[in-house]
Amino acid sequence: MQNSKLQIIRKTSFTATPWKNGGGITHEAWRFPPSGDPFQWRVSVAHIDASGPFSEFAEYNRKMVLLRGAGVELRFADGAHKALRAVGEMAEFDGALAAHCELLNGSCVDLNLMVLKTDSVVARVERFIESLAVRASRTETTLVFPIDRKITLQLTAAKPVTLEPWDLAVMSHCAGRISRLESTQSSVSTSVFVATLRQEGQNL
């Protein structure tokens, strides 16, 4: 990764793809590398219309964030349970562990990030009132995904870019700041998913 780079993927351009187990549809936003299998990293938005098992992705660690709906309960083969009841809540789990998804009260939509276990990822849901600094070093890729409100992303010495909820920004070797567009007088926070990815042992 020699030069700074910002890629914006609008939610209207996501590609509908059947689940690996055929149980539903996910809308793929971004993958690295951009074509071929296996991928190293993938971001998608899944529509869950019925309770049932998740697909197995044994080589990946998974991050899941509730985007819409009353929530889900994840039940894992090792006996663990994890409930997501509020938009913005996140679960992290091993893709090799069999998981059953139980809808709590109707269909839901969730964000999914899958990362090869050989690579590293730090993912979080940030809630901010006015603005938040984001960056990707020379060996990192940072994802910015607004969950509930429109935001702007401005890289250093660049024009601001507007992101609608569920648009995806992919940052490489750059830094900037995200800001909300609504009046800063409001005390209601804005939620955004931020993940920093690193391909271990290589310069991207």
N, C-alpha and C. Protein backbone atom coordinates (compact mmCIF):
# COMPACT_ATOMS: atom_id res chain seq x y z
N MET A 1 0.86 -1.18 0.00
CA MET A 1 0.00 0.00 0.00
C MET A 1 0.89 1.22 0.00
N GLN A 2 1.15 1.80 -1.13
CA GLN A 2 2.09 2.90 -1.27
C GLN A 2 1.44 4.26 -1.06
N ASN A 3 0.20 4.44 -1.45
CA ASN A 3 -0.45 5.74 -1.41
C ASN A 3 -1.73 5.67 -0.60
N SER A 4 -2.11 6.83 -0.05
CA SER A 4 -3.37 6.88 0.68
C SER A 4 -4.53 6.62 -0.27
N LYS A 5 -5.58 6.02 0.27
CA LYS A 5 -6.68 5.61 -0.58
C LYS A 5 -7.97 5.58 0.23
N LEU A 6 -9.04 6.05 -0.39
CA LEU A 6 -10.37 5.97 0.21
C LEU A 6 -11.33 5.43 -0.83
N GLN A 7 -12.02 4.35 -0.47
CA GLN A 7 -13.03 3.76 -1.35
C GLN A 7 -14.38 3.84 -0.66
N ILE A 8 -15.38 4.33 -1.38
CA ILE A 8 -16.74 4.43 -0.85
C ILE A 8 -17.62 3.43 -1.58
N ILE A 9 -18.26 2.54 -0.83
CA ILE A 9 -19.19 1.56 -1.41
C ILE A 9 -20.59 1.89 -0.89
N ARG A 10 -21.45 2.31 -1.79
CA ARG A 10 -22.81 2.69 -1.39
C ARG A 10 -23.66 1.44 -1.17
N LYS A 11 -24.59 1.52 -0.24
CA LYS A 11 -25.42 0.35 0.08
C LYS A 11 -26.25 -0.09 -1.13
N THR A 12 -26.53 0.86 -2.03
CA THR A 12 -27.31 0.52 -3.22
C THR A 12 -26.53 -0.36 -4.20
N SER A 13 -25.22 -0.45 -4.02
CA SER A 13 -24.39 -1.25 -4.93
C SER A 13 -23.99 -2.60 -4.34
N PHE A 14 -24.46 -2.93 -3.13
CA PHE A 14 -24.14 -4.22 -2.54
C PHE A 14 -24.69 -5.34 -3.41
N THR A 15 -24.00 -6.47 -3.44
CA THR A 15 -24.37 -7.59 -4.30
C THR A 15 -25.09 -8.68 -3.50
N ALA A 16 -26.33 -8.99 -3.88
CA ALA A 16 -27.09 -10.04 -3.20
C ALA A 16 -26.49 -11.41 -3.50
N THR A 17 -26.25 -12.19 -2.43
CA THR A 17 -25.62 -13.49 -2.55
C THR A 17 -26.29 -14.48 -1.60
N PRO A 18 -26.63 -15.69 -2.05
CA PRO A 18 -27.22 -16.68 -1.13
C PRO A 18 -26.25 -17.04 -0.02
N TRP A 19 -26.80 -17.35 1.14
CA TRP A 19 -25.96 -17.87 2.22
C TRP A 19 -25.29 -19.16 1.77
N LYS A 20 -24.16 -19.44 2.37
CA LYS A 20 -23.43 -20.66 2.06
C LYS A 20 -24.28 -21.91 2.28
N ASN A 21 -25.16 -21.88 3.31
CA ASN A 21 -26.01 -23.03 3.60
C ASN A 21 -27.39 -22.93 2.95
N GLY A 22 -27.61 -21.88 2.15
CA GLY A 22 -28.87 -21.71 1.44
C GLY A 22 -30.02 -21.19 2.28
N GLY A 23 -29.75 -20.80 3.54
CA GLY A 23 -30.83 -20.42 4.45
C GLY A 23 -31.28 -18.98 4.37
N GLY A 24 -30.64 -18.19 3.53
CA GLY A 24 -31.03 -16.79 3.44
C GLY A 24 -30.20 -16.05 2.40
N ILE A 25 -30.27 -14.73 2.46
CA ILE A 25 -29.57 -13.88 1.50
C ILE A 25 -28.70 -12.88 2.28
N THR A 26 -27.47 -12.71 1.82
CA THR A 26 -26.62 -11.65 2.34
C THR A 26 -26.28 -10.71 1.19
N HIS A 27 -26.04 -9.46 1.52
CA HIS A 27 -25.72 -8.45 0.51
C HIS A 27 -24.26 -8.04 0.71
N GLU A 28 -23.41 -8.54 -0.17
CA GLU A 28 -21.97 -8.33 -0.01
C GLU A 28 -21.59 -6.91 -0.38
N ALA A 29 -20.91 -6.24 0.56
CA ALA A 29 -20.47 -4.87 0.35
C ALA A 29 -19.04 -4.81 -0.17
N TRP A 30 -18.16 -5.65 0.39
CA TRP A 30 -16.74 -5.54 0.07
C TRP A 30 -16.03 -6.82 0.49
N ARG A 31 -15.06 -7.19 -0.33
CA ARG A 31 -14.21 -8.32 0.03
C ARG A 31 -12.78 -8.03 -0.42
N PHE A 32 -11.84 -8.67 0.26
CA PHE A 32 -10.44 -8.57 -0.11
C PHE A 32 -9.86 -9.98 -0.14
N PRO A 33 -9.22 -10.39 -1.25
CA PRO A 33 -9.15 -9.65 -2.52
C PRO A 33 -10.53 -9.54 -3.15
N PRO A 34 -10.68 -8.64 -4.14
CA PRO A 34 -12.01 -8.34 -4.68
C PRO A 34 -12.68 -9.49 -5.43
N SER A 35 -11.94 -10.49 -5.85
CA SER A 35 -12.55 -11.63 -6.54
C SER A 35 -11.84 -12.91 -6.15
N GLY A 36 -12.54 -14.02 -6.38
CA GLY A 36 -11.97 -15.33 -6.09
C GLY A 36 -12.22 -15.76 -4.66
N ASP A 37 -12.03 -17.05 -4.42
CA ASP A 37 -12.18 -17.65 -3.10
C ASP A 37 -10.94 -18.45 -2.79
N PRO A 38 -10.54 -18.58 -1.53
CA PRO A 38 -11.21 -17.95 -0.40
C PRO A 38 -10.86 -16.46 -0.29
N PHE A 39 -11.77 -15.69 0.29
CA PHE A 39 -11.47 -14.29 0.57
C PHE A 39 -10.72 -14.21 1.90
N GLN A 40 -10.07 -13.09 2.13
CA GLN A 40 -9.42 -12.85 3.42
C GLN A 40 -10.34 -12.09 4.36
N TRP A 41 -10.99 -11.06 3.83
CA TRP A 41 -11.91 -10.25 4.61
C TRP A 41 -13.18 -10.04 3.80
N ARG A 42 -14.32 -10.05 4.47
CA ARG A 42 -15.58 -9.77 3.77
C ARG A 42 -16.53 -9.02 4.68
N VAL A 43 -17.18 -8.01 4.11
CA VAL A 43 -18.23 -7.25 4.80
C VAL A 43 -19.53 -7.47 4.06
N SER A 44 -20.59 -7.84 4.78
CA SER A 44 -21.89 -8.03 4.13
C SER A 44 -23.01 -7.65 5.10
N VAL A 45 -24.19 -7.42 4.53
CA VAL A 45 -25.38 -7.11 5.31
C VAL A 45 -26.39 -8.23 5.05
N ALA A 46 -26.75 -8.96 6.09
CA ALA A 46 -27.62 -10.13 5.95
C ALA A 46 -29.03 -9.83 6.45
N HIS A 47 -30.01 -10.32 5.70
CA HIS A 47 -31.42 -10.23 6.10
C HIS A 47 -31.81 -11.60 6.68
N ILE A 48 -32.22 -11.61 7.93
CA ILE A 48 -32.59 -12.85 8.61
C ILE A 48 -34.10 -12.86 8.77
N ASP A 49 -34.76 -13.71 8.00
CA ASP A 49 -36.23 -13.76 8.02
C ASP A 49 -36.78 -14.94 8.79
N ALA A 50 -35.93 -15.88 9.16
CA ALA A 50 -36.39 -17.05 9.91
C ALA A 50 -35.26 -17.55 10.80
N SER A 51 -35.62 -18.13 11.92
CA SER A 51 -34.62 -18.73 12.80
C SER A 51 -33.98 -19.93 12.10
N GLY A 52 -32.72 -20.19 12.43
CA GLY A 52 -32.05 -21.33 11.82
C GLY A 52 -30.55 -21.28 12.02
N PRO A 53 -29.83 -22.27 11.48
CA PRO A 53 -28.38 -22.34 11.68
C PRO A 53 -27.64 -21.34 10.80
N PHE A 54 -26.50 -20.89 11.30
CA PHE A 54 -25.59 -20.10 10.48
C PHE A 54 -24.72 -21.03 9.65
N SER A 55 -24.20 -20.51 8.55
CA SER A 55 -23.25 -21.27 7.73
C SER A 55 -21.94 -21.43 8.49
N GLU A 56 -21.24 -22.50 8.17
CA GLU A 56 -19.93 -22.73 8.78
C GLU A 56 -18.86 -21.97 7.99
N PHE A 57 -18.02 -21.25 8.70
CA PHE A 57 -16.86 -20.58 8.13
C PHE A 57 -15.69 -20.84 9.08
N ALA A 58 -15.18 -22.07 9.05
CA ALA A 58 -14.21 -22.54 10.04
C ALA A 58 -12.90 -21.75 10.03
N GLU A 59 -12.53 -21.17 8.90
CA GLU A 59 -11.24 -20.48 8.80
C GLU A 59 -11.33 -19.01 9.22
N TYR A 60 -12.50 -18.58 9.66
CA TYR A 60 -12.71 -17.15 9.90
C TYR A 60 -13.15 -16.85 11.33
N ASN A 61 -12.76 -15.67 11.80
CA ASN A 61 -13.38 -15.07 12.97
C ASN A 61 -14.47 -14.12 12.48
N ARG A 62 -15.58 -14.07 13.22
CA ARG A 62 -16.74 -13.33 12.75
C ARG A 62 -17.15 -12.23 13.73
N LYS A 63 -17.59 -11.11 13.18
CA LYS A 63 -18.17 -10.00 13.94
C LYS A 63 -19.57 -9.77 13.37
N MET A 64 -20.55 -9.61 14.25
CA MET A 64 -21.94 -9.43 13.83
C MET A 64 -22.56 -8.29 14.62
N VAL A 65 -23.18 -7.33 13.92
CA VAL A 65 -23.80 -6.17 14.56
C VAL A 65 -25.26 -6.09 14.14
N LEU A 66 -26.15 -5.91 15.10
CA LEU A 66 -27.57 -5.77 14.79
C LEU A 66 -27.82 -4.39 14.19
N LEU A 67 -28.43 -4.36 13.00
CA LEU A 67 -28.72 -3.12 12.30
C LEU A 67 -30.19 -2.73 12.33
N ARG A 68 -31.08 -3.72 12.38
CA ARG A 68 -32.52 -3.44 12.35
C ARG A 68 -33.26 -4.64 12.95
N GLY A 69 -34.36 -4.36 13.63
CA GLY A 69 -35.18 -5.43 14.19
C GLY A 69 -35.10 -5.52 15.70
N ALA A 70 -35.92 -6.43 16.25
CA ALA A 70 -36.02 -6.58 17.70
C ALA A 70 -34.89 -7.40 18.29
N GLY A 71 -34.11 -8.07 17.44
CA GLY A 71 -32.95 -8.77 17.96
C GLY A 71 -32.93 -10.26 17.70
N VAL A 72 -31.80 -10.85 18.04
CA VAL A 72 -31.57 -12.28 17.86
C VAL A 72 -30.86 -12.84 19.08
N GLU A 73 -30.99 -14.13 19.26
CA GLU A 73 -30.18 -14.85 20.24
C GLU A 73 -29.35 -15.87 19.49
N LEU A 74 -28.05 -15.84 19.70
CA LEU A 74 -27.14 -16.80 19.10
C LEU A 74 -26.83 -17.89 20.12
N ARG A 75 -27.03 -19.14 19.69
CA ARG A 75 -26.77 -20.28 20.55
C ARG A 75 -25.68 -21.12 19.92
N PHE A 76 -24.58 -21.29 20.64
CA PHE A 76 -23.40 -21.95 20.09
C PHE A 76 -23.27 -23.38 20.57
N ALA A 77 -22.54 -24.18 19.79
CA ALA A 77 -22.39 -25.60 20.08
C ALA A 77 -21.70 -25.86 21.42
N ASP A 78 -20.93 -24.92 21.92
CA ASP A 78 -20.26 -25.12 23.21
C ASP A 78 -21.13 -24.74 24.39
N GLY A 79 -22.41 -24.39 24.12
CA GLY A 79 -23.35 -24.05 25.19
C GLY A 79 -23.47 -22.56 25.47
N ALA A 80 -22.63 -21.75 24.85
CA ALA A 80 -22.68 -20.31 25.08
C ALA A 80 -23.87 -19.68 24.36
N HIS A 81 -24.38 -18.59 24.91
CA HIS A 81 -25.48 -17.84 24.31
C HIS A 81 -25.06 -16.37 24.22
N LYS A 82 -25.54 -15.69 23.20
CA LYS A 82 -25.30 -14.25 23.06
C LYS A 82 -26.53 -13.63 22.44
N ALA A 83 -27.12 -12.65 23.13
CA ALA A 83 -28.31 -11.98 22.60
C ALA A 83 -27.96 -10.56 22.15
N LEU A 84 -28.47 -10.19 20.98
CA LEU A 84 -28.36 -8.82 20.47
C LEU A 84 -29.77 -8.26 20.43
N ARG A 85 -30.07 -7.31 21.30
CA ARG A 85 -31.43 -6.79 21.41
C ARG A 85 -31.57 -5.34 20.99
N ALA A 86 -30.48 -4.62 20.91
CA ALA A 86 -30.52 -3.20 20.54
C ALA A 86 -29.65 -2.97 19.32
N VAL A 87 -30.11 -2.09 18.43
CA VAL A 87 -29.32 -1.75 17.25
C VAL A 87 -27.95 -1.25 17.68
N GLY A 88 -26.91 -1.79 17.06
CA GLY A 88 -25.54 -1.42 17.40
C GLY A 88 -24.84 -2.41 18.31
N GLU A 89 -25.58 -3.34 18.91
CA GLU A 89 -24.93 -4.35 19.73
C GLU A 89 -24.18 -5.34 18.84
N MET A 90 -23.02 -5.82 19.33
CA MET A 90 -22.14 -6.65 18.52
C MET A 90 -21.80 -7.96 19.22
N ALA A 91 -21.68 -9.02 18.42
CA ALA A 91 -21.20 -10.32 18.88
C ALA A 91 -19.96 -10.70 18.09
N GLU A 92 -19.00 -11.33 18.74
CA GLU A 92 -17.78 -11.81 18.09
C GLU A 92 -17.65 -13.30 18.39
N PHE A 93 -17.41 -14.11 17.34
CA PHE A 93 -17.34 -15.55 17.57
C PHE A 93 -16.53 -16.24 16.49
N ASP A 94 -16.14 -17.46 16.80
CA ASP A 94 -15.34 -18.31 15.92
C ASP A 94 -16.26 -18.93 14.87
N GLY A 95 -15.92 -18.74 13.60
CA GLY A 95 -16.76 -19.28 12.53
C GLY A 95 -16.78 -20.79 12.47
N ALA A 96 -15.86 -21.46 13.18
CA ALA A 96 -15.85 -22.92 13.21
C ALA A 96 -16.86 -23.48 14.21
N LEU A 97 -17.38 -22.62 15.08
CA LEU A 97 -18.31 -23.07 16.12
C LEU A 97 -19.73 -23.02 15.57
N ALA A 98 -20.39 -24.16 15.55
CA ALA A 98 -21.77 -24.22 15.04
C ALA A 98 -22.64 -23.25 15.83
N ALA A 99 -23.42 -22.44 15.09
CA ALA A 99 -24.25 -21.42 15.72
C ALA A 99 -25.67 -21.48 15.18
N HIS A 100 -26.65 -21.38 16.08
CA HIS A 100 -28.06 -21.30 15.71
C HIS A 100 -28.56 -19.91 16.06
N CYS A 101 -29.25 -19.28 15.12
CA CYS A 101 -29.78 -17.93 15.31
C CYS A 101 -31.28 -18.01 15.55
N GLU A 102 -31.72 -17.51 16.69
CA GLU A 102 -33.14 -17.49 17.03
C GLU A 102 -33.63 -16.05 17.01
N LEU A 103 -34.61 -15.76 16.13
CA LEU A 103 -35.19 -14.43 16.09
C LEU A 103 -36.02 -14.19 17.35
N LEU A 104 -35.90 -12.99 17.93
CA LEU A 104 -36.60 -12.70 19.17
C LEU A 104 -38.01 -12.18 18.92
N ASN A 105 -38.21 -11.41 17.85
CA ASN A 105 -39.55 -10.90 17.56
C ASN A 105 -39.60 -10.37 16.13
N GLY A 106 -39.52 -11.28 15.17
CA GLY A 106 -39.59 -10.89 13.77
C GLY A 106 -38.23 -10.78 13.10
N SER A 107 -38.27 -10.50 11.82
CA SER A 107 -37.05 -10.49 11.00
C SER A 107 -36.09 -9.39 11.44
N CYS A 108 -34.81 -9.60 11.12
CA CYS A 108 -33.75 -8.68 11.51
C CYS A 108 -32.77 -8.50 10.35
N VAL A 109 -31.96 -7.45 10.44
CA VAL A 109 -30.86 -7.23 9.52
C VAL A 109 -29.60 -7.06 10.34
N ASP A 110 -28.51 -7.67 9.89
CA ASP A 110 -27.26 -7.54 10.64
C ASP A 110 -26.09 -7.32 9.71
N LEU A 111 -25.06 -6.69 10.26
CA LEU A 111 -23.80 -6.48 9.57
C LEU A 111 -22.86 -7.62 9.93
N ASN A 112 -22.14 -8.16 8.94
CA ASN A 112 -21.20 -9.25 9.18
C ASN A 112 -19.83 -8.89 8.65
N LEU A 113 -18.83 -9.08 9.48
CA LEU A 113 -17.43 -8.97 9.06
C LEU A 113 -16.77 -10.31 9.33
N MET A 114 -16.16 -10.90 8.30
CA MET A 114 -15.43 -12.15 8.43
C MET A 114 -13.96 -11.90 8.09
N VAL A 115 -13.08 -12.39 8.96
CA VAL A 115 -11.64 -12.16 8.80
C VAL A 115 -10.91 -13.48 9.00
N LEU A 116 -10.03 -13.82 8.07
CA LEU A 116 -9.23 -15.03 8.22
C LEU A 116 -8.53 -15.04 9.57
N LYS A 117 -8.46 -16.20 10.20
CA LYS A 117 -7.84 -16.30 11.51
C LYS A 117 -6.35 -15.99 11.49
N THR A 118 -5.72 -16.07 10.32
CA THR A 118 -4.31 -15.74 10.21
C THR A 118 -4.06 -14.24 10.21
N ASP A 119 -5.12 -13.42 10.05
CA ASP A 119 -5.01 -11.97 10.07
C ASP A 119 -5.58 -11.43 11.38
N SER A 120 -5.32 -10.16 11.64
CA SER A 120 -5.81 -9.57 12.89
C SER A 120 -6.84 -8.50 12.59
N VAL A 121 -7.75 -8.30 13.53
CA VAL A 121 -8.79 -7.28 13.38
C VAL A 121 -9.15 -6.76 14.77
N VAL A 122 -9.34 -5.45 14.84
CA VAL A 122 -9.89 -4.81 16.03
C VAL A 122 -11.16 -4.11 15.59
N ALA A 123 -12.30 -4.56 16.10
CA ALA A 123 -13.60 -4.03 15.66
C ALA A 123 -14.37 -3.51 16.87
N ARG A 124 -15.12 -2.44 16.64
CA ARG A 124 -15.89 -1.85 17.73
C ARG A 124 -17.04 -1.03 17.15
N VAL A 125 -18.05 -0.80 17.96
CA VAL A 125 -19.10 0.14 17.61
C VAL A 125 -18.87 1.39 18.44
N GLU A 126 -18.58 2.51 17.76
CA GLU A 126 -18.34 3.78 18.42
C GLU A 126 -19.63 4.59 18.46
N ARG A 127 -19.87 5.23 19.59
CA ARG A 127 -21.02 6.13 19.72
C ARG A 127 -20.48 7.52 20.08
N PHE A 128 -20.74 8.50 19.22
CA PHE A 128 -20.17 9.82 19.44
C PHE A 128 -21.24 10.90 19.24
N ILE A 129 -21.00 12.06 19.83
CA ILE A 129 -21.94 13.17 19.74
C ILE A 129 -21.58 14.11 18.61
N GLU A 130 -20.30 14.51 18.51
CA GLU A 130 -19.90 15.51 17.52
C GLU A 130 -19.02 14.92 16.42
N SER A 131 -17.85 14.38 16.79
CA SER A 131 -16.94 13.86 15.78
C SER A 131 -16.02 12.81 16.39
N LEU A 132 -15.32 12.09 15.51
CA LEU A 132 -14.47 10.99 15.95
C LEU A 132 -13.32 10.84 14.96
N ALA A 133 -12.09 10.72 15.46
CA ALA A 133 -10.92 10.53 14.59
C ALA A 133 -10.82 9.08 14.16
N VAL A 134 -10.47 8.85 12.90
CA VAL A 134 -10.26 7.51 12.36
C VAL A 134 -8.97 7.52 11.53
N ARG A 135 -8.29 6.37 11.48
CA ARG A 135 -7.05 6.33 10.73
C ARG A 135 -6.72 4.90 10.31
N ALA A 136 -5.88 4.79 9.30
CA ALA A 136 -5.34 3.50 8.87
C ALA A 136 -3.86 3.72 8.59
N SER A 137 -2.98 3.00 9.28
CA SER A 137 -1.55 3.15 9.07
C SER A 137 -1.14 2.52 7.74
N ARG A 138 0.14 2.54 7.45
CA ARG A 138 0.64 2.04 6.17
C ARG A 138 0.34 0.56 5.98
N THR A 139 0.20 -0.20 7.06
CA THR A 139 -0.03 -1.64 6.96
C THR A 139 -1.45 -2.04 7.37
N GLU A 140 -2.36 -1.07 7.40
CA GLU A 140 -3.71 -1.34 7.88
C GLU A 140 -4.77 -0.92 6.86
N THR A 141 -5.94 -1.51 7.01
CA THR A 141 -7.15 -1.08 6.32
C THR A 141 -8.21 -0.83 7.37
N THR A 142 -8.85 0.32 7.32
CA THR A 142 -9.89 0.65 8.30
C THR A 142 -11.23 0.79 7.60
N LEU A 143 -12.24 0.15 8.19
CA LEU A 143 -13.61 0.19 7.67
C LEU A 143 -14.45 1.12 8.54
N VAL A 144 -15.27 1.94 7.89
CA VAL A 144 -16.18 2.84 8.59
C VAL A 144 -17.58 2.61 8.02
N PHE A 145 -18.51 2.25 8.91
CA PHE A 145 -19.87 1.87 8.49
C PHE A 145 -20.87 2.56 9.42
N PRO A 146 -21.47 3.68 8.98
CA PRO A 146 -22.47 4.34 9.83
C PRO A 146 -23.72 3.47 9.99
N ILE A 147 -24.21 3.38 11.21
CA ILE A 147 -25.32 2.47 11.51
C ILE A 147 -26.67 3.16 11.48
N ASP A 148 -26.79 4.31 12.10
CA ASP A 148 -28.12 4.88 12.31
C ASP A 148 -28.32 6.30 11.81
N ARG A 149 -27.24 7.02 11.45
CA ARG A 149 -27.38 8.40 11.00
C ARG A 149 -26.39 8.72 9.89
N LYS A 150 -26.72 9.72 9.10
CA LYS A 150 -25.82 10.20 8.05
C LYS A 150 -24.62 10.89 8.71
N ILE A 151 -23.43 10.66 8.16
CA ILE A 151 -22.22 11.29 8.68
C ILE A 151 -21.38 11.83 7.52
N THR A 152 -20.36 12.62 7.85
CA THR A 152 -19.37 13.02 6.87
C THR A 152 -18.02 12.43 7.29
N LEU A 153 -17.23 12.08 6.30
CA LEU A 153 -15.87 11.60 6.52
C LEU A 153 -14.94 12.54 5.77
N GLN A 154 -14.00 13.14 6.50
CA GLN A 154 -13.06 14.05 5.87
C GLN A 154 -11.64 13.60 6.15
N LEU A 155 -10.93 13.24 5.09
CA LEU A 155 -9.52 12.92 5.23
C LEU A 155 -8.70 14.20 5.28
N THR A 156 -7.50 14.10 5.80
CA THR A 156 -6.62 15.26 5.90
C THR A 156 -6.42 15.89 4.52
N ALA A 157 -6.65 17.20 4.42
CA ALA A 157 -6.46 17.96 3.18
C ALA A 157 -7.32 17.46 2.02
N ALA A 158 -8.51 16.96 2.33
CA ALA A 158 -9.42 16.47 1.29
C ALA A 158 -10.82 17.00 1.55
N LYS A 159 -11.65 16.98 0.53
CA LYS A 159 -13.04 17.40 0.68
C LYS A 159 -13.83 16.35 1.46
N PRO A 160 -14.78 16.76 2.28
CA PRO A 160 -15.59 15.79 3.03
C PRO A 160 -16.48 14.96 2.12
N VAL A 161 -16.72 13.73 2.51
CA VAL A 161 -17.59 12.80 1.79
C VAL A 161 -18.75 12.44 2.71
N THR A 162 -19.96 12.46 2.17
CA THR A 162 -21.13 12.11 2.96
C THR A 162 -21.40 10.61 2.87
N LEU A 163 -21.64 10.00 4.02
CA LEU A 163 -22.00 8.58 4.08
C LEU A 163 -23.40 8.45 4.65
N GLU A 164 -24.28 7.80 3.90
CA GLU A 164 -25.60 7.47 4.39
C GLU A 164 -25.49 6.26 5.32
N PRO A 165 -26.49 6.04 6.19
CA PRO A 165 -26.48 4.81 6.98
C PRO A 165 -26.34 3.58 6.10
N TRP A 166 -25.42 2.71 6.48
CA TRP A 166 -25.11 1.44 5.82
C TRP A 166 -24.26 1.59 4.57
N ASP A 167 -23.80 2.79 4.24
CA ASP A 167 -22.72 2.90 3.27
C ASP A 167 -21.42 2.44 3.95
N LEU A 168 -20.43 2.09 3.15
CA LEU A 168 -19.16 1.60 3.70
C LEU A 168 -18.00 2.41 3.13
N ALA A 169 -17.12 2.88 4.01
CA ALA A 169 -15.88 3.53 3.60
C ALA A 169 -14.72 2.60 3.94
N VAL A 170 -13.79 2.45 2.99
CA VAL A 170 -12.60 1.61 3.18
C VAL A 170 -11.39 2.53 3.07
N MET A 171 -10.66 2.69 4.17
CA MET A 171 -9.52 3.60 4.24
C MET A 171 -8.22 2.81 4.25
N SER A 172 -7.23 3.29 3.48
CA SER A 172 -5.90 2.68 3.46
C SER A 172 -4.85 3.78 3.53
N HIS A 173 -3.95 3.65 4.52
CA HIS A 173 -2.82 4.58 4.66
C HIS A 173 -3.28 6.03 4.66
N CYS A 174 -4.22 6.36 5.54
CA CYS A 174 -4.72 7.73 5.62
C CYS A 174 -5.37 7.95 6.98
N ALA A 175 -5.68 9.20 7.27
CA ALA A 175 -6.32 9.56 8.53
C ALA A 175 -7.37 10.62 8.26
N GLY A 176 -8.34 10.70 9.15
CA GLY A 176 -9.38 11.68 8.97
C GLY A 176 -10.28 11.75 10.18
N ARG A 177 -11.46 12.34 9.97
CA ARG A 177 -12.41 12.52 11.06
C ARG A 177 -13.82 12.33 10.52
N ILE A 178 -14.64 11.64 11.28
CA ILE A 178 -16.05 11.51 10.93
C ILE A 178 -16.86 12.42 11.83
N SER A 179 -17.89 13.04 11.26
CA SER A 179 -18.71 13.99 12.00
C SER A 179 -20.17 13.75 11.66
N ARG A 180 -21.04 14.06 12.59
CA ARG A 180 -22.46 13.94 12.33
C ARG A 180 -22.95 15.17 11.58
N LEU A 181 -24.02 15.03 10.84
CA LEU A 181 -24.56 16.14 10.06
C LEU A 181 -25.65 16.90 10.81
N GLU A 182 -26.30 16.22 11.77
CA GLU A 182 -27.34 16.90 12.53
C GLU A 182 -26.71 17.93 13.46
N SER A 183 -27.55 18.78 14.01
CA SER A 183 -27.07 19.80 14.94
C SER A 183 -26.32 19.16 16.10
N THR A 184 -25.18 19.73 16.44
CA THR A 184 -24.39 19.20 17.55
C THR A 184 -25.01 19.51 18.90
N GLN A 185 -26.14 20.26 18.90
CA GLN A 185 -26.82 20.54 20.15
C GLN A 185 -27.53 19.30 20.69
N SER A 186 -27.80 18.35 19.79
CA SER A 186 -28.51 17.15 20.21
C SER A 186 -27.62 16.28 21.08
N SER A 187 -28.20 15.71 22.12
CA SER A 187 -27.43 14.84 23.02
C SER A 187 -27.52 13.37 22.60
N VAL A 188 -28.24 13.09 21.51
CA VAL A 188 -28.37 11.73 21.02
C VAL A 188 -27.11 11.35 20.24
N SER A 189 -26.50 10.24 20.59
CA SER A 189 -25.24 9.85 19.95
C SER A 189 -25.48 9.22 18.59
N THR A 190 -24.45 9.23 17.78
CA THR A 190 -24.43 8.57 16.48
C THR A 190 -23.60 7.30 16.60
N SER A 191 -24.08 6.20 16.02
CA SER A 191 -23.37 4.92 16.11
C SER A 191 -22.71 4.58 14.78
N VAL A 192 -21.46 4.16 14.84
CA VAL A 192 -20.72 3.77 13.64
C VAL A 192 -19.85 2.57 13.96
N PHE A 193 -19.82 1.62 13.05
CA PHE A 193 -18.97 0.45 13.18
C PHE A 193 -17.61 0.78 12.57
N VAL A 194 -16.54 0.56 13.34
CA VAL A 194 -15.18 0.82 12.89
C VAL A 194 -14.36 -0.44 13.10
N ALA A 195 -13.67 -0.88 12.06
CA ALA A 195 -12.81 -2.07 12.17
C ALA A 195 -11.48 -1.78 11.51
N THR A 196 -10.40 -2.14 12.20
CA THR A 196 -9.05 -1.99 11.65
C THR A 196 -8.48 -3.37 11.39
N LEU A 197 -8.11 -3.61 10.12
CA LEU A 197 -7.66 -4.92 9.67
C LEU A 197 -6.18 -4.87 9.33
N ARG A 198 -5.51 -5.96 9.64
CA ARG A 198 -4.09 -6.04 9.31
C ARG A 198 -3.80 -7.43 8.73
N GLN A 199 -3.22 -7.46 7.54
CA GLN A 199 -2.79 -8.71 6.91
C GLN A 199 -1.43 -9.05 7.49
N GLU A 200 -1.38 -10.05 8.36
CA GLU A 200 -0.17 -10.33 9.11
C GLU A 200 0.98 -10.72 8.20
N GLY A 201 2.16 -10.12 8.47
CA GLY A 201 3.36 -10.50 7.77
C GLY A 201 3.55 -9.88 6.41
N GLN A 202 2.61 -8.98 5.99
CA GLN A 202 2.73 -8.37 4.68
C GLN A 202 2.39 -6.90 4.75
N ASN A 203 2.92 -6.14 3.83
CA ASN A 203 2.55 -4.75 3.66
C ASN A 203 1.46 -4.68 2.61
N LEU A 204 0.35 -4.08 2.95
CA LEU A 204 -0.78 -4.02 2.02
C LEU A 204 -0.54 -2.99 0.93
